[in-house]
Amino acid sequence: MDQHPFTALTRSVRGVPSRRDVLHGLAAAGLGISLLRVPDAVTAKKKRKKKSKKTDTQQRCTPNCVERTCGNDGCGGSCGGCGANQVCHGGTCCVPESRGDTCAGRCGTRTNNCGQPVACATCAAGQQCLSNGSCAIVCTDNADCPSTCGGCSNPDVEGAHHCIGDFVRPEVFCTSTTDCPPGSHCQNIGAASSVCISVCH
């Protein structure tokens, strides 16, 4: 007789839902959805903040095309394009000169009127391309130079020996061979003075 009330009590306790079951029930009923979506809401907020910062940065950039008809406007845009056979140089459309005009008989790499590098002539074997675009015969003594040359020079200001002719007329003082006209190099003649002297080809 005493077992019946105990059995009934056990059954009633077993019938009480657990905390886990209650939460599952709330989620199923839609009451726990807001809790489950909190991480998504935080992620969305961060994305909006990043997008806002990017937009603010773009708005702060002011395109600048003052005295420019082509090229970049400074904000990732363009100030305009150039026509056929033209290049943009310093914000202006430029028509490159011919290779012959750029090189003008000089060796090495020259820069044309539009700022482009142009490969010019290559010097013959045994010759050196100087900074002013001249080809000069490299030598160690007079025997290395043609009889039509004045002989093998003392080291020029860059430290090389070349077969030379006479002084450039009118006399041109220099600090490097770049200061000398094509067909000559810069050579120290003493007393801390350097002048341009013609080189033999």
Protein backbone atom coordinates (compact mmCIF):
# COMPACT_ATOMS: atom_id res chain seq x y z
CA MET A 1 0.00 0.00 0.00
CA ASP A 2 2.82 2.41 0.90
CA GLN A 3 4.55 1.83 -2.44
CA HIS A 4 1.76 3.39 -4.49
CA PRO A 5 2.23 7.02 -3.29
CA PHE A 6 6.03 6.68 -3.71
CA THR A 7 5.63 5.33 -7.20
CA ALA A 8 3.29 8.17 -8.09
CA LEU A 9 5.77 10.75 -6.70
CA THR A 10 8.62 9.23 -8.71
CA ARG A 11 6.57 9.41 -11.86
CA SER A 12 5.64 13.03 -11.21
CA VAL A 13 9.30 13.99 -10.68
CA ARG A 14 10.32 12.22 -13.85
CA GLY A 15 7.67 14.18 -15.69
CA VAL A 16 9.17 17.56 -14.77
CA PRO A 17 11.19 18.82 -17.79
CA SER A 18 14.91 19.51 -17.29
CA ARG A 19 16.51 22.94 -17.77
CA ARG A 20 17.97 21.76 -21.09
CA ASP A 21 14.55 20.69 -22.28
CA VAL A 22 13.11 24.11 -21.32
CA LEU A 23 15.80 25.94 -23.31
CA HIS A 24 15.28 23.68 -26.29
CA GLY A 25 11.59 24.36 -26.07
CA LEU A 26 12.11 28.11 -25.95
CA ALA A 27 14.43 27.97 -28.96
CA ALA A 28 11.92 25.90 -30.86
CA ALA A 29 9.18 28.36 -29.98
CA GLY A 30 11.22 31.26 -31.33
CA LEU A 31 11.92 32.86 -27.93
CA GLY A 32 15.64 32.01 -28.03
CA ILE A 33 16.26 33.20 -31.59
CA SER A 34 17.49 36.63 -30.52
CA LEU A 35 20.10 34.98 -28.31
CA LEU A 36 21.25 32.71 -31.12
CA ARG A 37 21.59 35.66 -33.55
CA VAL A 38 23.69 37.92 -31.34
CA PRO A 39 27.03 36.90 -32.98
CA ASP A 40 25.56 37.60 -36.44
CA ALA A 41 24.45 41.05 -35.30
CA VAL A 42 27.93 41.86 -33.93
CA THR A 43 29.59 40.74 -37.19
CA ALA A 44 27.20 42.84 -39.26
CA LYS A 45 27.93 45.88 -37.09
CA LYS A 46 31.69 45.46 -37.59
CA LYS A 47 31.23 45.19 -41.36
CA ARG A 48 29.17 48.39 -41.40
CA LYS A 49 31.88 50.17 -39.42
CA LYS A 50 34.64 49.05 -41.85
CA LYS A 51 32.55 50.08 -44.85
CA SER A 52 31.90 53.45 -43.24
CA LYS A 53 35.63 54.04 -42.67
CA LYS A 54 36.43 53.16 -46.29
CA THR A 55 33.72 55.49 -47.56
CA ASP A 56 35.02 58.32 -45.35
CA THR A 57 38.54 57.83 -46.74
CA GLN A 58 37.30 57.94 -50.32
CA GLN A 59 35.31 61.08 -49.62
CA ARG A 60 38.36 62.81 -48.10
CA CYS A 61 40.39 62.32 -51.33
CA THR A 62 40.01 65.27 -53.69
CA PRO A 63 40.95 64.57 -57.34
CA ASN A 64 43.57 66.97 -58.67
CA CYS A 65 43.90 67.55 -62.40
CA VAL A 66 45.26 71.09 -62.26
CA GLU A 67 47.50 71.63 -65.30
CA ARG A 68 47.08 67.95 -66.21
CA THR A 69 45.30 66.58 -69.26
CA CYS A 70 46.19 62.93 -68.67
CA GLY A 71 47.40 60.51 -66.02
CA ASN A 72 46.33 59.78 -62.44
CA ASP A 73 44.15 62.27 -60.58
CA GLY A 74 45.61 61.26 -57.21
CA CYS A 75 42.51 59.40 -56.08
CA GLY A 76 42.68 56.35 -58.29
CA GLY A 77 40.89 58.05 -61.18
CA SER A 78 42.14 59.55 -64.43
CA CYS A 79 42.60 63.09 -65.71
CA GLY A 80 42.16 61.86 -69.26
CA GLY A 81 43.78 59.70 -71.91
CA CYS A 82 46.05 60.38 -74.86
CA GLY A 83 45.49 59.69 -78.53
CA ALA A 84 47.21 57.18 -80.75
CA ASN A 85 51.02 57.41 -80.94
CA GLN A 86 51.04 59.56 -77.79
CA VAL A 87 52.19 58.92 -74.24
CA CYS A 88 51.36 60.74 -71.01
CA HIS A 89 54.43 62.58 -69.73
CA GLY A 90 54.15 64.78 -66.67
CA GLY A 91 50.39 65.13 -67.07
CA THR A 92 50.62 66.19 -70.72
CA CYS A 93 50.15 64.12 -73.87
CA CYS A 94 53.44 63.86 -75.74
CA VAL A 95 54.40 62.57 -79.19
CA PRO A 96 57.76 60.72 -78.92
CA GLU A 97 60.46 61.86 -81.32
CA SER A 98 62.09 59.37 -83.68
CA ARG A 99 64.82 57.02 -82.43
CA GLY A 100 67.27 58.74 -84.78
CA ASP A 101 66.55 62.14 -83.21
CA THR A 102 66.89 60.73 -79.69
CA CYS A 103 70.12 58.87 -80.34
CA ALA A 104 71.75 61.33 -82.77
CA GLY A 105 74.68 58.97 -83.35
CA ARG A 106 75.21 58.29 -79.65
CA CYS A 107 75.57 54.93 -77.94
CA GLY A 108 73.95 53.47 -74.84
CA THR A 109 70.50 54.25 -73.48
CA ARG A 110 69.20 57.77 -74.08
CA THR A 111 66.02 59.50 -72.88
CA ASN A 112 63.66 60.92 -75.51
CA ASN A 113 61.56 64.08 -75.37
CA CYS A 114 58.75 62.19 -73.58
CA GLY A 115 60.95 60.82 -70.81
CA GLN A 116 61.14 57.31 -72.29
CA PRO A 117 64.39 55.29 -72.31
CA VAL A 118 65.60 54.46 -75.82
CA ALA A 119 68.26 51.86 -76.65
CA CYS A 120 70.74 53.40 -79.07
CA ALA A 121 73.83 52.02 -80.81
CA THR A 122 76.26 49.52 -79.30
CA CYS A 123 79.99 50.25 -79.50
CA ALA A 124 82.33 47.93 -81.40
CA ALA A 125 84.48 45.37 -79.63
CA GLY A 126 87.33 47.00 -77.71
CA GLN A 127 85.42 50.25 -77.34
CA GLN A 128 83.61 51.75 -74.37
CA CYS A 129 80.34 53.72 -74.39
CA LEU A 130 80.94 56.91 -72.43
CA SER A 131 78.35 58.79 -70.38
CA ASN A 132 77.92 61.41 -73.12
CA GLY A 133 77.09 58.74 -75.70
CA SER A 134 80.55 58.53 -77.30
CA CYS A 135 82.33 55.31 -78.28
CA ALA A 136 86.00 55.38 -77.30
CA ILE A 137 88.81 52.88 -77.88
CA VAL A 138 90.11 51.48 -74.60
CA CYS A 139 93.89 51.36 -74.35
CA THR A 140 96.78 50.71 -72.00
CA ASP A 141 99.57 52.34 -74.10
CA ASN A 142 100.10 54.11 -77.41
CA ALA A 143 100.55 50.83 -79.30
CA ASP A 144 96.85 50.06 -78.77
CA CYS A 145 95.78 53.16 -80.71
CA PRO A 146 95.57 53.78 -84.47
CA SER A 147 98.38 55.85 -85.97
CA THR A 148 95.88 58.61 -86.71
CA CYS A 149 95.32 59.15 -82.96
CA GLY A 150 97.50 61.20 -80.67
CA GLY A 151 98.09 58.21 -78.40
CA CYS A 152 96.67 56.66 -75.25
CA SER A 153 95.40 59.17 -72.74
CA ASN A 154 96.10 59.56 -69.09
CA PRO A 155 93.15 58.36 -66.98
CA ASP A 156 90.06 60.44 -67.61
CA VAL A 157 88.08 61.72 -64.62
CA GLU A 158 86.24 58.38 -64.54
CA GLY A 159 89.58 56.52 -64.41
CA ALA A 160 89.68 55.02 -67.93
CA HIS A 161 92.35 55.27 -70.65
CA HIS A 162 91.19 56.02 -74.21
CA CYS A 163 92.82 56.71 -77.55
CA ILE A 164 92.63 60.49 -77.94
CA GLY A 165 93.11 63.27 -80.45
CA ASP A 166 93.32 66.96 -79.61
CA PHE A 167 91.60 69.37 -77.23
CA VAL A 168 88.03 70.31 -78.04
CA ARG A 169 87.86 73.77 -79.58
CA PRO A 170 86.73 76.11 -78.21
CA GLU A 171 88.08 74.78 -74.94
CA VAL A 172 85.46 73.16 -72.67
CA PHE A 173 86.15 72.72 -68.97
CA CYS A 174 84.41 69.80 -67.27
CA THR A 175 83.91 67.82 -64.10
CA SER A 176 82.71 64.63 -65.83
CA THR A 177 82.51 63.27 -69.36
CA THR A 178 78.79 64.08 -69.34
CA ASP A 179 79.82 67.77 -69.54
CA CYS A 180 81.71 67.13 -72.79
CA PRO A 181 80.23 67.11 -76.30
CA PRO A 182 79.87 63.74 -78.06
CA GLY A 183 83.20 62.46 -79.39
CA SER A 184 85.25 63.54 -76.37
CA HIS A 185 85.93 62.68 -72.75
CA CYS A 186 86.81 64.73 -69.67
CA GLN A 187 90.47 64.51 -68.70
CA ASN A 188 92.41 66.08 -65.87
CA ILE A 189 95.37 68.10 -67.14
CA GLY A 190 96.75 69.11 -63.77
CA ALA A 191 96.31 72.02 -61.40
CA ALA A 192 92.85 70.65 -60.49
CA SER A 193 91.69 71.49 -64.00
CA SER A 194 89.86 69.16 -66.39
CA VAL A 195 89.06 69.75 -70.05
CA CYS A 196 87.29 67.89 -72.84
CA ILE A 197 89.62 66.02 -75.24
CA SER A 198 88.46 64.31 -78.41
CA VAL A 199 88.56 60.50 -78.53
CA CYS A 200 89.42 58.33 -81.56
CA HIS A 201 86.92 55.79 -82.85
